Amino acid sequence: MASINWTEEGERWLSEIYTYIIRENPAAAVKVVEAIYNKVDLLKTFPYLGSRYDPESEDDIRILLYGHYRIAYLVKSDQQIDILGVFHTALKIEQYL
């Protein structure tokens, strides 16, 4: 089973999503963040679940989808995954990865 490491950047992105949603709907903010954490937990058992971001890259960066969000993560090994960020699908993710 792989361990999940949330990078500072990944935590910041998730916090910003929460802060944005809570202004309009506190219950929805909690629900979205919990659901993203639950989706990420799947990576403990299935680290290669997401699609590969750039097949040409030496790094195994992958994207896992949840609703309107893309969870970017790096598979360091079968046992170690770094969550790089959580991005709304409207953002051009290329600017951040």
C-alpha atoms as a PDB file:
ATOM      1  CA  MET A   1       0.000   0.000   0.000  1.00  0.00           C
ATOM      2  CA  ALA A   2       1.387   3.391  -1.010  1.00  0.00           C
ATOM      3  CA  SER A   3       1.733   6.323   1.330  1.00  0.00           C
ATOM      4  CA  ILE A   4       0.323   9.697   0.333  1.00  0.00           C
ATOM      5  CA  ASN A   5       2.288  12.891   0.870  1.00  0.00           C
ATOM      6  CA  TRP A   6       0.483  16.192   0.383  1.00  0.00           C
ATOM      7  CA  THR A   7       3.032  18.761  -0.776  1.00  0.00           C
ATOM      8  CA  GLU A   8       2.756  22.312   0.549  1.00  0.00           C
ATOM      9  CA  GLU A   9       1.562  23.376  -2.883  1.00  0.00           C
ATOM     10  CA  GLY A  10      -1.070  20.629  -2.950  1.00  0.00           C
ATOM     11  CA  GLU A  11      -2.355  21.628   0.488  1.00  0.00           C
ATOM     12  CA  ARG A  12      -2.442  25.292  -0.536  1.00  0.00           C
ATOM     13  CA  TRP A  13      -4.512  24.546  -3.648  1.00  0.00           C
ATOM     14  CA  LEU A  14      -6.993  22.469  -1.662  1.00  0.00           C
ATOM     15  CA  SER A  15      -7.247  25.177   1.001  1.00  0.00           C
ATOM     16  CA  GLU A  16      -7.976  27.791  -1.661  1.00  0.00           C
ATOM     17  CA  ILE A  17     -10.749  25.627  -3.107  1.00  0.00           C
ATOM     18  CA  TYR A  18     -12.269  25.266   0.361  1.00  0.00           C
ATOM     19  CA  THR A  19     -12.008  29.013   1.047  1.00  0.00           C
ATOM     20  CA  TYR A  20     -13.652  29.848  -2.277  1.00  0.00           C
ATOM     21  CA  ILE A  21     -16.593  27.463  -1.823  1.00  0.00           C
ATOM     22  CA  ILE A  22     -17.228  28.192   1.869  1.00  0.00           C
ATOM     23  CA  ARG A  23     -18.175  31.813   1.112  1.00  0.00           C
ATOM     24  CA  GLU A  24     -21.295  30.631  -0.694  1.00  0.00           C
ATOM     25  CA  ASN A  25     -21.967  27.224   0.816  1.00  0.00           C
ATOM     26  CA  PRO A  26     -20.117  25.958   3.912  1.00  0.00           C
ATOM     27  CA  ALA A  27     -21.664  22.485   3.740  1.00  0.00           C
ATOM     28  CA  ALA A  28     -20.620  22.081   0.117  1.00  0.00           C
ATOM     29  CA  ALA A  29     -17.066  23.194   0.943  1.00  0.00           C
ATOM     30  CA  VAL A  30     -16.707  20.431   3.520  1.00  0.00           C
ATOM     31  CA  LYS A  31     -18.288  17.884   1.180  1.00  0.00           C
ATOM     32  CA  VAL A  32     -15.984  18.733  -1.734  1.00  0.00           C
ATOM     33  CA  VAL A  33     -12.796  18.625   0.344  1.00  0.00           C
ATOM     34  CA  GLU A  34     -13.787  15.340   1.997  1.00  0.00           C
ATOM     35  CA  ALA A  35     -14.610  13.837  -1.395  1.00  0.00           C
ATOM     36  CA  ILE A  36     -11.237  14.914  -2.802  1.00  0.00           C
ATOM     37  CA  TYR A  37      -9.462  13.314   0.173  1.00  0.00           C
ATOM     38  CA  ASN A  38     -11.499  10.135  -0.373  1.00  0.00           C
ATOM     39  CA  LYS A  39     -10.574  10.083  -4.062  1.00  0.00           C
ATOM     40  CA  VAL A  40      -6.896  10.546  -3.200  1.00  0.00           C
ATOM     41  CA  ASP A  41      -7.126   7.662  -0.714  1.00  0.00           C
ATOM     42  CA  LEU A  42      -7.810   5.339  -3.656  1.00  0.00           C
ATOM     43  CA  LEU A  43      -4.226   5.957  -4.740  1.00  0.00           C
ATOM     44  CA  LYS A  44      -2.964   4.076  -1.693  1.00  0.00           C
ATOM     45  CA  THR A  45      -4.193   0.871  -3.301  1.00  0.00           C
ATOM     46  CA  PHE A  46      -4.159   1.924  -6.962  1.00  0.00           C
ATOM     47  CA  PRO A  47      -1.240   4.363  -7.458  1.00  0.00           C
ATOM     48  CA  TYR A  48      -1.540   4.280 -11.251  1.00  0.00           C
ATOM     49  CA  LEU A  49      -5.289   4.971 -11.299  1.00  0.00           C
ATOM     50  CA  GLY A  50      -4.981   8.396 -12.930  1.00  0.00           C
ATOM     51  CA  SER A  51      -3.990   9.043 -16.512  1.00  0.00           C
ATOM     52  CA  ARG A  52      -0.397   9.922 -17.283  1.00  0.00           C
ATOM     53  CA  TYR A  53      -0.001  13.682 -17.717  1.00  0.00           C
ATOM     54  CA  ASP A  54       2.939  13.763 -20.126  1.00  0.00           C
ATOM     55  CA  PRO A  55       4.053  10.455 -21.621  1.00  0.00           C
ATOM     56  CA  GLU A  56       7.282  12.092 -22.821  1.00  0.00           C
ATOM     57  CA  SER A  57       8.333  13.145 -19.315  1.00  0.00           C
ATOM     58  CA  GLU A  58      10.656  11.045 -17.183  1.00  0.00           C
ATOM     59  CA  ASP A  59       8.533  11.897 -14.125  1.00  0.00           C
ATOM     60  CA  ASP A  60       5.381   9.843 -13.657  1.00  0.00           C
ATOM     61  CA  ILE A  61       2.966  12.723 -13.113  1.00  0.00           C
ATOM     62  CA  ARG A  62      -0.639  11.608 -13.291  1.00  0.00           C
ATOM     63  CA  ILE A  63      -4.059  13.237 -13.203  1.00  0.00           C
ATOM     64  CA  LEU A  64      -7.005  11.879 -11.241  1.00  0.00           C
ATOM     65  CA  LEU A  65     -10.397  13.446 -11.895  1.00  0.00           C
ATOM     66  CA  TYR A  66     -13.011  14.350  -9.324  1.00  0.00           C
ATOM     67  CA  GLY A  67     -15.988  16.394 -10.512  1.00  0.00           C
ATOM     68  CA  HIS A  68     -14.679  19.737 -11.785  1.00  0.00           C
ATOM     69  CA  TYR A  69     -11.223  19.145 -10.325  1.00  0.00           C
ATOM     70  CA  ARG A  70      -8.004  17.542 -11.490  1.00  0.00           C
ATOM     71  CA  ILE A  71      -5.780  16.070  -8.806  1.00  0.00           C
ATOM     72  CA  ALA A  72      -2.176  16.137 -10.007  1.00  0.00           C
ATOM     73  CA  TYR A  73       0.163  13.662  -8.377  1.00  0.00           C
ATOM     74  CA  LEU A  74       3.626  12.218  -8.778  1.00  0.00           C
ATOM     75  CA  VAL A  75       4.210   8.498  -8.429  1.00  0.00           C
ATOM     76  CA  LYS A  76       7.675   8.298  -6.903  1.00  0.00           C
ATOM     77  CA  SER A  77       7.395   4.536  -6.473  1.00  0.00           C
ATOM     78  CA  ASP A  78       4.685   1.958  -5.843  1.00  0.00           C
ATOM     79  CA  GLN A  79       4.979   2.981  -2.192  1.00  0.00           C
ATOM     80  CA  GLN A  80       5.215   6.816  -2.382  1.00  0.00           C
ATOM     81  CA  ILE A  81       2.881   9.350  -3.973  1.00  0.00           C
ATOM     82  CA  ASP A  82       3.141  13.145  -3.788  1.00  0.00           C
ATOM     83  CA  ILE A  83      -0.008  15.198  -4.314  1.00  0.00           C
ATOM     84  CA  LEU A  84       1.164  18.193  -6.347  1.00  0.00           C
ATOM     85  CA  GLY A  85      -2.063  20.166  -6.611  1.00  0.00           C
ATOM     86  CA  VAL A  86      -5.809  20.187  -7.050  1.00  0.00           C
ATOM     87  CA  PHE A  87      -6.892  22.274 -10.006  1.00  0.00           C
ATOM     88  CA  HIS A  88     -10.282  23.373 -11.289  1.00  0.00           C
ATOM     89  CA  THR A  89     -10.752  22.078 -14.822  1.00  0.00           C
ATOM     90  CA  ALA A  90     -11.111  25.659 -16.099  1.00  0.00           C
ATOM     91  CA  LEU A  91      -7.453  26.372 -15.224  1.00  0.00           C
ATOM     92  CA  LYS A  92      -4.684  25.762 -17.721  1.00  0.00           C
ATOM     93  CA  ILE A  93      -2.822  23.155 -15.710  1.00  0.00           C
ATOM     94  CA  GLU A  94       0.239  23.443 -17.946  1.00  0.00           C
ATOM     95  CA  GLN A  95       1.165  26.703 -16.207  1.00  0.00           C
ATOM     96  CA  TYR A  96       1.524  24.898 -12.883  1.00  0.00           C
ATOM     97  CA  LEU A  97       3.084  21.527 -13.706  1.00  0.00           C
END
